[in-house]
Amino acid sequence: MSNLLEMMQEKAAEEMTVRLKVRDKPAFIRMIDETAGFCAEVESIPVLKGMLLQVKTKVPKRTANGMEEVDGVALFTTGSNSNQTLIKGYAAEFGQDIMFEADAPIEALVPAGRFAELLKKLPQKAEWIFEFNAGNGEEDYGFLNIRCGKSEYMLQLLNVSEYPQTRPESVPPLAFSSKEFCSALHNSKYASEKKTMDSPIAGIHLICREEGKIIVETTNRRQASVETLAATTLRELDMIISHDTVDRIYEVFGKHEGRIVVQFGTATITVNGFGSTLISRVVEGKYPDLSKMVPNGIKAECIVLQKDLLGAFERCLLMVVGDKENSSCSVSVRFGNGVLALSAKGQLGKAEDCLEVETDGDASFLIDPARAKNALKSLSSHEKVRIQFIGALRPIIFYPDASEYEDYTKFALVLPLRAAEG
C-alpha cells in the first residue's frame, strides 16, 4: 500500500513539473542577466529580489485571416525595483531557430541575482535542462531544478502571486530614433544637480513649450544644457526623470539603431523597442524655467573647432589639477583678433594654450574648466561651436555653429567664475 502511495505521489509530482531546455545559451544568459540588473538587491518588498519568468507555448502570427496563435515558444522576463521595471520578450514559432524548448507554459519567480550568476558559470558545452516544480502554496512556492550534464542545482522559488504587476499608462505612443532620443537624454544629464537627490533639479526635464518639439533641459544653477527632439504630434508635456532612469534608458536602448516607442504618462515614462519595455516612475516637483536663462545683448562671440577647444581645456585640467577633476581651479579665457587664449596655473604647474578662431569682438572671463569640458562634450556631434559672451558674470553660451540652432534649440550654458583681470 505504501509503495502504491509513493508511486502516486511521484506521478503527481511529475505532472506538476515543467521542463525547459535551453538551446541558445549565450542569448538566454544575456536576457536573464540584463533583467536581473533591474531587480532589487536590498528591498523592503522581498519579492522584488526575484525575476518573473513566464513561458508561453503559443505565439501570435499574422496570416491572411488576421492575427492567429500558432505553436511556438515565447519567453518574458521581468525585473523590478522601487522605481523602474524592465520587461524583456522573445518569441519564435516552431520551425525557426529557437532559443529554448518548453513542454508547457511556465510562470515562476526565481531569485534573480543567484540565478543570473549561476548561468554565467555553467559549462556551455553541457545540455541545460530547467525543471520547474510547483509548490503547495503554503510557504512552499516550489523549486527550480537545473540539470547541466551530470551536475544538478536547486533553487527555491519565491511567491509569484505576490509579484507586483507594472503596466504602461494608457497614453498615445510617440516614435523616436533610438540614437537621437538616448543621446539627447545622456548628453544633457551632466548639467543636473547630483548631490541634492530630493530636488527636481537632480533630474532631467522634458517639456513641450512649442507643438512638435520636446525640450530636454538640465541645470544645477551653475550650468545648464538644452537639447531638442522632434515630436510632431505632441502638444503637452512637463516631466522630470531621474539620473538613474536616463542611465537605464541609455543602457537598454542606446546601443541600438532603429525606432523606439515612448509613452509619456502622468506618473511614468515607458520606452519600448528591440524586445524590451522599460517603465520608470517620474520625479515629482516643479522645474525652473530655463527659457528665461538665455541672455540677450551679445557683446562678443567666437567660432572654434569643438575638438580643438575641448583638447585645450583637457590639457589645462591635466596641468593644474592632474587626475583630481573635482579640485577647484579656474581657466582664464580671452578671445579677439582671431585668437582664443587659455591660461591656468595651479599647484602642479601652469598652462597656456592658443587657438586660431573666428572672432567678432573681444572678451575675457574665468571659467571652471571641468564645466566647460562637459559643455563641449555635450556638443561632440558638431564640428564647430559658437561661444557667446554677454558680459561680466553673465552666462557663457556654447552652441553648435549652424543656422538651425540660432534660436537656441540646443546649447550649453556655464556661469563664469568672475571677469578676468586686465
Protein backbone atom coordinates (compact mmCIF):
# COMPACT_ATOMS: atom_id res chain seq x y z
CA MET A 1 0.00 0.00 0.00
CA SER A 2 2.80 2.39 0.94
CA ASN A 3 4.63 1.63 -2.33
CA LEU A 4 1.48 2.41 -4.31
CA LEU A 5 1.06 5.71 -2.43
CA GLU A 6 4.67 6.67 -3.11
CA MET A 7 4.23 5.88 -6.80
CA MET A 8 1.09 8.02 -6.92
CA GLN A 9 2.91 10.90 -5.21
CA GLU A 10 5.84 10.62 -7.62
CA LYS A 11 3.45 10.62 -10.58
CA ALA A 12 1.65 13.70 -9.22
CA ALA A 13 4.97 15.48 -8.73
CA GLU A 14 6.00 14.52 -12.25
CA GLU A 15 2.80 16.03 -13.64
CA MET A 16 3.49 19.28 -11.73
CA THR A 17 6.97 19.59 -13.27
CA VAL A 18 7.51 21.70 -16.39
CA ARG A 19 10.75 21.34 -18.34
CA LEU A 20 12.61 24.00 -20.27
CA LYS A 21 15.59 23.09 -22.44
CA VAL A 22 17.93 25.92 -23.44
CA ARG A 23 19.35 25.76 -26.96
CA ASP A 24 20.88 29.23 -27.47
CA LYS A 25 22.75 29.62 -24.19
CA PRO A 26 24.52 32.98 -24.84
CA ALA A 27 21.23 34.66 -25.85
CA PHE A 28 19.45 33.18 -22.83
CA ILE A 29 22.20 34.37 -20.47
CA ARG A 30 22.11 37.92 -21.91
CA MET A 31 18.35 38.12 -21.45
CA ILE A 32 18.46 36.86 -17.88
CA ASP A 33 21.49 38.97 -16.92
CA GLU A 34 20.05 42.23 -18.27
CA THR A 35 16.75 41.64 -16.49
CA ALA A 36 18.49 40.72 -13.22
CA GLY A 37 20.23 44.10 -13.31
CA PHE A 38 16.86 45.75 -12.69
CA CYS A 39 15.91 43.57 -9.73
CA ALA A 40 16.27 44.99 -6.24
CA GLU A 41 19.32 43.85 -4.30
CA VAL A 42 18.14 45.24 -0.97
CA GLU A 43 14.43 45.92 -0.83
CA SER A 44 11.67 46.19 1.75
CA ILE A 45 9.49 44.14 -0.62
CA PRO A 46 11.27 40.73 -0.72
CA VAL A 47 9.64 39.58 -3.97
CA LEU A 48 11.44 42.39 -5.85
CA LYS A 49 14.65 40.42 -5.36
CA GLY A 50 13.09 37.91 -7.72
CA MET A 51 12.81 37.81 -11.50
CA LEU A 52 9.47 36.92 -13.01
CA LEU A 53 9.93 34.28 -15.70
CA GLN A 54 6.98 33.48 -17.97
CA VAL A 55 6.91 30.95 -20.81
CA LYS A 56 4.14 30.51 -23.36
CA THR A 57 3.84 27.77 -25.97
CA LYS A 58 1.70 29.77 -28.40
CA VAL A 59 2.88 32.85 -30.31
CA PRO A 60 0.97 35.36 -32.45
CA LYS A 61 1.39 35.24 -36.23
CA ARG A 62 -0.08 37.49 -38.90
CA THR A 63 -1.91 35.43 -41.52
CA ALA A 64 -4.36 36.08 -44.34
CA ASN A 65 -7.14 35.75 -41.76
CA GLY A 66 -5.54 38.24 -39.38
CA MET A 67 -3.59 37.55 -36.20
CA GLU A 68 -3.62 33.91 -35.13
CA GLU A 69 -1.84 31.94 -32.43
CA VAL A 70 0.48 29.20 -33.66
CA ASP A 71 2.71 26.66 -31.94
CA GLY A 72 5.97 28.17 -30.78
CA VAL A 73 7.71 29.49 -27.69
CA ALA A 74 7.68 32.89 -26.01
CA LEU A 75 9.74 33.96 -23.01
CA PHE A 76 9.13 37.06 -20.91
CA THR A 77 11.42 38.10 -18.07
CA THR A 78 10.58 40.93 -15.67
CA GLY A 79 12.88 42.68 -13.22
CA SER A 80 11.71 45.48 -10.98
CA ASN A 81 12.86 47.76 -8.17
CA SER A 82 11.17 50.68 -6.45
CA ASN A 83 11.49 52.97 -9.47
CA GLN A 84 11.99 51.01 -12.69
CA THR A 85 10.69 47.86 -14.32
CA LEU A 86 12.27 46.08 -17.29
CA ILE A 87 10.30 43.53 -19.31
CA LYS A 88 12.18 41.60 -21.97
CA GLY A 89 10.47 39.39 -24.51
CA TYR A 90 11.44 36.71 -27.02
CA ALA A 91 9.15 34.77 -29.35
CA ALA A 92 9.61 32.30 -32.21
CA GLU A 93 7.32 29.83 -33.91
CA PHE A 94 8.35 26.23 -34.34
CA GLY A 95 10.38 25.57 -37.46
CA GLN A 96 12.64 28.54 -36.74
CA ASP A 97 15.87 28.59 -34.77
CA ILE A 98 14.59 28.92 -31.22
CA MET A 99 16.33 29.91 -28.01
CA PHE A 100 14.70 27.19 -25.93
CA GLU A 101 12.08 24.45 -25.85
CA ALA A 102 9.33 24.11 -23.23
CA ASP A 103 6.73 21.39 -22.81
CA ALA A 104 4.12 23.61 -21.09
CA PRO A 105 3.53 27.23 -20.01
CA ILE A 106 5.56 28.45 -17.03
CA GLU A 107 5.16 31.28 -14.52
CA ALA A 108 7.78 31.35 -11.78
CA LEU A 109 9.63 33.85 -9.61
CA VAL A 110 13.32 32.96 -9.39
CA PRO A 111 15.99 34.57 -7.13
CA ALA A 112 17.37 36.98 -9.73
CA GLY A 113 20.97 37.57 -8.70
CA ARG A 114 21.82 33.99 -7.83
CA PHE A 115 20.10 32.62 -10.94
CA ALA A 116 21.92 35.03 -13.28
CA GLU A 117 25.33 34.38 -11.71
CA LEU A 118 24.84 30.61 -11.79
CA LEU A 119 24.01 30.65 -15.51
CA LYS A 120 27.21 32.53 -16.31
CA LYS A 121 29.24 29.88 -14.50
CA LEU A 122 27.60 26.79 -16.02
CA PRO A 123 29.63 24.95 -18.70
CA GLN A 124 28.07 25.78 -22.06
CA LYS A 125 29.05 22.53 -23.75
CA ALA A 126 26.73 20.53 -21.50
CA GLU A 127 22.97 20.26 -22.02
CA TRP A 128 20.89 22.67 -19.90
CA ILE A 129 17.50 21.50 -18.67
CA PHE A 130 15.43 23.52 -16.19
CA GLU A 131 12.68 21.74 -14.25
CA PHE A 132 10.11 23.99 -12.60
CA ASN A 133 8.33 22.23 -9.75
CA ALA A 134 5.22 23.83 -8.30
CA GLY A 135 4.81 24.08 -4.52
CA ASN A 136 1.72 23.68 -2.37
CA GLY A 137 1.34 27.45 -1.89
CA GLU A 138 1.66 27.35 1.91
CA GLU A 139 5.13 28.89 2.24
CA ASP A 140 6.21 26.28 -0.28
CA TYR A 141 6.46 28.06 -3.62
CA GLY A 142 8.22 25.27 -5.42
CA PHE A 143 11.76 24.98 -6.68
CA LEU A 144 13.79 25.15 -9.87
CA ASN A 145 15.96 22.15 -10.62
CA ILE A 146 18.82 22.94 -13.03
CA ARG A 147 20.44 19.99 -14.78
CA CYS A 148 23.73 20.66 -16.54
CA GLY A 149 25.25 17.47 -17.86
CA LYS A 150 25.78 15.29 -14.81
CA SER A 151 25.58 18.25 -12.42
CA GLU A 152 22.40 19.37 -10.70
CA TYR A 153 21.46 22.54 -8.80
CA MET A 154 18.27 23.50 -6.98
CA LEU A 155 16.92 27.00 -6.31
CA GLN A 156 13.93 27.69 -4.08
CA LEU A 157 11.33 29.78 -5.90
CA LEU A 158 9.65 32.88 -4.47
CA ASN A 159 5.93 33.61 -4.14
CA VAL A 160 4.90 34.55 -7.67
CA SER A 161 1.38 35.53 -6.57
CA GLU A 162 2.81 38.49 -4.61
CA TYR A 163 4.81 39.91 -7.50
CA PRO A 164 3.53 43.42 -8.39
CA GLN A 165 2.19 43.93 -11.90
CA THR A 166 3.54 47.06 -13.59
CA ARG A 167 1.94 48.18 -16.82
CA PRO A 168 2.41 51.21 -19.08
CA GLU A 169 -0.06 54.05 -18.74
CA SER A 170 -2.70 54.22 -21.44
CA VAL A 171 -1.39 57.23 -23.37
CA PRO A 172 -0.64 57.67 -27.10
CA PRO A 173 2.85 56.41 -28.04
CA LEU A 174 5.40 58.51 -29.92
CA ALA A 175 8.16 57.11 -32.15
CA PHE A 176 11.76 58.33 -31.99
CA SER A 177 15.13 57.36 -33.34
CA SER A 178 16.69 55.35 -30.53
CA LYS A 179 20.08 57.01 -31.00
CA GLU A 180 18.66 60.54 -31.05
CA PHE A 181 16.39 60.05 -28.04
CA CYS A 182 19.03 58.34 -25.89
CA SER A 183 21.76 60.80 -26.88
CA ALA A 184 19.61 63.82 -26.06
CA LEU A 185 18.98 62.49 -22.55
CA HIS A 186 22.52 61.25 -21.98
CA ASN A 187 24.22 64.41 -23.28
CA SER A 188 22.14 66.66 -21.02
CA LYS A 189 22.40 64.92 -17.67
CA TYR A 190 25.89 66.29 -16.81
CA ALA A 191 24.42 69.71 -16.00
CA SER A 192 21.87 68.47 -13.46
CA GLU A 193 22.34 68.50 -9.70
CA LYS A 194 23.80 65.24 -8.43
CA LYS A 195 24.05 65.77 -4.67
CA THR A 196 20.56 67.01 -3.83
CA MET A 197 18.66 63.92 -4.93
CA ASP A 198 15.35 65.08 -3.41
CA SER A 199 15.33 68.21 -5.58
CA PRO A 200 13.68 68.40 -9.02
CA ILE A 201 16.92 69.79 -10.48
CA ALA A 202 18.52 66.43 -9.67
CA GLY A 203 16.61 65.15 -12.70
CA ILE A 204 16.28 65.76 -16.43
CA HIS A 205 13.36 67.95 -17.50
CA LEU A 206 11.28 67.10 -20.58
CA ILE A 207 8.88 69.84 -21.63
CA CYS A 208 6.87 70.79 -24.70
CA ARG A 209 6.73 74.60 -25.00
CA GLU A 210 6.03 74.52 -28.72
CA GLU A 211 3.91 71.97 -30.55
CA GLY A 212 6.02 69.23 -32.09
CA LYS A 213 9.15 69.87 -30.01
CA ILE A 214 10.40 68.32 -26.78
CA ILE A 215 12.96 70.36 -24.89
CA VAL A 216 15.38 68.24 -22.86
CA GLU A 217 16.95 70.50 -20.25
CA THR A 218 19.07 70.29 -17.11
CA THR A 219 20.61 72.75 -14.68
CA ASN A 220 22.36 72.88 -11.32
CA ARG A 221 22.20 76.71 -11.27
CA ARG A 222 25.88 76.93 -12.27
CA GLN A 223 25.49 75.42 -15.71
CA ALA A 224 22.69 74.30 -17.99
CA SER A 225 22.13 72.14 -21.05
CA VAL A 226 19.32 72.19 -23.60
CA GLU A 227 18.58 69.68 -26.38
CA THR A 228 15.56 69.49 -28.70
CA LEU A 229 13.71 66.43 -30.01
CA ALA A 230 11.13 66.48 -32.80
CA ALA A 231 7.75 65.03 -31.77
CA THR A 232 5.31 66.05 -34.47
CA THR A 233 2.03 65.20 -32.73
CA LEU A 234 2.95 66.23 -29.18
CA ARG A 235 1.26 69.26 -27.67
CA GLU A 236 1.66 68.92 -23.90
CA LEU A 237 4.48 67.54 -21.78
CA ASP A 238 6.08 68.55 -18.49
CA MET A 239 8.01 65.69 -16.89
CA ILE A 240 11.14 65.17 -14.77
CA ILE A 241 13.02 61.88 -14.91
CA SER A 242 15.89 60.83 -12.67
CA HIS A 243 19.58 60.36 -13.46
CA ASP A 244 19.17 56.64 -12.89
CA THR A 245 16.28 56.46 -15.35
CA VAL A 246 18.38 58.17 -18.03
CA ASP A 247 21.23 55.74 -17.39
CA ARG A 248 18.83 52.79 -17.61
CA ILE A 249 17.27 54.01 -20.86
CA TYR A 250 20.72 54.53 -22.38
CA GLU A 251 21.88 51.12 -21.15
CA VAL A 252 18.94 49.23 -22.69
CA PHE A 253 18.28 51.20 -25.89
CA GLY A 254 21.31 53.41 -26.57
CA LYS A 255 23.32 50.78 -28.44
CA HIS A 256 20.56 50.03 -30.96
CA GLU A 257 19.90 51.56 -34.38
CA GLY A 258 16.23 51.95 -35.24
CA ARG A 259 12.99 53.23 -33.78
CA ILE A 260 11.70 53.13 -30.24
CA VAL A 261 8.24 54.00 -28.94
CA VAL A 262 7.85 56.26 -25.90
CA GLN A 263 4.77 56.86 -23.77
CA PHE A 264 4.82 59.96 -21.57
CA GLY A 265 2.33 59.33 -18.78
CA THR A 266 1.42 61.35 -15.71
CA ALA A 267 3.35 59.14 -13.27
CA THR A 268 5.61 57.06 -15.53
CA ILE A 269 7.62 57.10 -18.73
CA THR A 270 7.62 53.92 -20.84
CA VAL A 271 10.16 53.13 -23.56
CA ASN A 272 9.58 50.15 -25.84
CA GLY A 273 11.70 48.61 -28.57
CA PHE A 274 14.09 45.82 -29.58
CA GLY A 275 12.31 43.25 -27.40
CA SER A 276 12.47 45.40 -24.25
CA THR A 277 9.98 47.54 -22.35
CA LEU A 278 11.24 49.88 -19.63
CA ILE A 279 8.76 51.57 -17.29
CA SER A 280 10.05 54.18 -14.85
CA ARG A 281 8.49 56.49 -12.31
CA VAL A 282 8.91 60.22 -12.83
CA VAL A 283 10.28 62.72 -10.30
CA GLU A 284 7.76 64.96 -8.56
CA GLY A 285 8.29 68.71 -8.34
CA LYS A 286 8.50 71.91 -10.37
CA TYR A 287 11.49 72.55 -12.62
CA PRO A 288 12.93 76.07 -13.02
CA ASP A 289 12.11 77.81 -16.31
CA LEU A 290 15.33 77.63 -18.33
CA SER A 291 13.82 79.60 -21.20
CA LYS A 292 14.48 82.70 -19.08
CA MET A 293 18.16 81.84 -18.68
CA VAL A 294 19.10 82.59 -22.29
CA PRO A 295 20.58 86.10 -22.08
CA ASN A 296 20.22 88.91 -24.59
CA GLY A 297 22.70 91.51 -25.78
CA ILE A 298 25.73 89.67 -27.15
CA LYS A 299 28.95 91.68 -26.71
CA ALA A 300 31.38 89.27 -28.37
CA GLU A 301 31.47 85.81 -29.89
CA CYS A 302 33.87 83.39 -31.50
CA ILE A 303 33.66 80.23 -33.59
CA VAL A 304 36.06 77.39 -32.78
CA LEU A 305 36.53 73.74 -33.68
CA GLN A 306 34.89 71.68 -30.94
CA LYS A 307 37.70 69.12 -30.74
CA ASP A 308 40.40 71.80 -30.58
CA LEU A 309 38.78 73.70 -27.71
CA LEU A 310 37.91 70.51 -25.82
CA GLY A 311 41.52 69.39 -26.12
CA ALA A 312 42.77 72.75 -24.86
CA PHE A 313 40.57 72.59 -21.75
CA GLU A 314 41.62 68.98 -21.11
CA ARG A 315 45.30 69.95 -21.31
CA CYS A 316 44.75 72.82 -18.88
CA LEU A 317 42.96 70.49 -16.47
CA LEU A 318 45.78 67.96 -16.69
CA MET A 319 48.45 70.55 -15.92
CA VAL A 320 46.78 72.31 -13.00
CA VAL A 321 44.62 69.57 -11.46
CA GLY A 322 46.03 66.25 -12.61
CA ASP A 323 43.69 63.30 -12.07
CA LYS A 324 41.52 65.06 -9.46
CA GLU A 325 38.95 66.83 -11.61
CA ASN A 326 36.84 67.67 -8.57
CA SER A 327 39.53 70.03 -7.32
CA SER A 328 38.75 73.72 -7.53
CA CYS A 329 40.52 75.60 -10.30
CA SER A 330 39.84 78.16 -12.99
CA VAL A 331 40.97 78.89 -16.52
CA SER A 332 41.29 82.37 -17.96
CA VAL A 333 39.70 82.61 -21.40
CA ARG A 334 40.38 85.51 -23.76
CA PHE A 335 39.44 85.87 -27.39
CA GLY A 336 39.74 88.58 -30.02
CA ASN A 337 41.56 89.37 -33.27
CA GLY A 338 41.27 85.78 -34.48
CA VAL A 339 42.86 84.19 -31.40
CA LEU A 340 41.43 82.37 -28.38
CA ALA A 341 43.86 82.01 -25.46
CA LEU A 342 43.51 79.82 -22.37
CA SER A 343 45.77 80.14 -19.34
CA ALA A 344 45.73 78.46 -15.95
CA LYS A 345 48.01 77.76 -13.03
CA GLY A 346 47.83 75.51 -10.01
CA GLN A 347 49.92 73.53 -7.56
CA LEU A 348 51.07 71.12 -10.27
CA GLY A 349 52.11 73.75 -12.78
CA LYS A 350 50.68 76.16 -15.32
CA ALA A 351 49.30 76.02 -18.84
CA GLU A 352 48.87 78.41 -21.74
CA ASP A 353 47.09 77.40 -24.92
CA CYS A 354 46.29 79.42 -28.05
CA LEU A 355 43.89 78.56 -30.88
CA GLU A 356 43.16 80.29 -34.16
CA VAL A 357 39.44 81.07 -34.28
CA GLU A 358 36.88 83.33 -35.91
CA THR A 359 36.06 86.26 -33.62
CA ASP A 360 33.60 89.12 -33.51
CA GLY A 361 34.58 91.43 -30.66
CA ASP A 362 36.79 90.86 -27.63
CA ALA A 363 36.02 89.02 -24.39
CA SER A 364 37.77 87.76 -21.26
CA PHE A 365 36.45 85.71 -18.35
CA LEU A 366 37.35 83.00 -15.84
CA ILE A 367 35.60 79.65 -16.11
CA ASP A 368 35.63 76.26 -14.40
CA PRO A 369 37.44 74.04 -16.94
CA ALA A 370 35.58 70.88 -15.88
CA ARG A 371 32.21 72.54 -16.56
CA ALA A 372 33.46 73.95 -19.86
CA LYS A 373 34.71 70.50 -20.84
CA ASN A 374 31.33 68.92 -20.04
CA ALA A 375 29.56 71.60 -22.07
CA LEU A 376 31.78 70.91 -25.07
CA LYS A 377 31.36 67.14 -24.73
CA SER A 378 27.59 67.59 -24.97
CA LEU A 379 28.20 69.18 -28.40
CA SER A 380 30.59 66.47 -29.61
CA SER A 381 28.49 65.63 -32.67
CA HIS A 382 29.17 69.09 -34.12
CA GLU A 383 32.38 70.18 -35.82
CA LYS A 384 32.27 73.83 -34.78
CA VAL A 385 31.00 75.56 -31.65
CA ARG A 386 29.97 79.18 -31.23
CA ILE A 387 30.82 80.85 -27.90
CA GLN A 388 28.84 83.93 -26.92
CA PHE A 389 29.93 86.42 -24.26
CA ILE A 390 27.22 88.64 -22.78
CA GLY A 391 29.13 90.47 -20.09
CA ALA A 392 30.91 90.13 -16.76
CA LEU A 393 29.33 87.44 -14.56
CA ARG A 394 26.69 86.72 -17.21
CA PRO A 395 26.31 83.15 -18.54
CA ILE A 396 28.65 81.97 -21.29
CA ILE A 397 26.74 80.21 -24.07
CA PHE A 398 28.12 77.32 -26.13
CA TYR A 399 26.05 76.11 -29.07
CA PRO A 400 26.60 74.45 -32.47
CA ASP A 401 27.68 76.79 -35.25
CA ALA A 402 24.76 76.04 -37.56
CA SER A 403 21.77 78.09 -38.65
CA GLU A 404 19.22 75.62 -37.24
CA TYR A 405 20.48 76.28 -33.71
CA GLU A 406 20.42 80.08 -33.79
CA ASP A 407 17.11 80.02 -31.90
CA TYR A 408 18.87 78.17 -29.05
CA THR A 409 17.18 74.80 -29.59
CA LYS A 410 20.45 73.21 -28.49
CA PHE A 411 23.03 74.84 -26.25
CA ALA A 412 25.14 74.56 -23.12
CA LEU A 413 25.39 77.37 -20.63
CA VAL A 414 28.12 77.89 -18.00
CA LEU A 415 28.28 80.64 -15.39
CA PRO A 416 31.74 82.25 -15.30
CA LEU A 417 33.60 82.42 -12.00
CA ARG A 418 34.33 86.14 -12.42
CA ALA A 419 35.62 88.55 -15.02
CA ALA A 420 39.25 88.04 -15.98
CA GLU A 421 41.61 90.74 -14.80
CA GLY A 422 43.28 93.02 -17.26
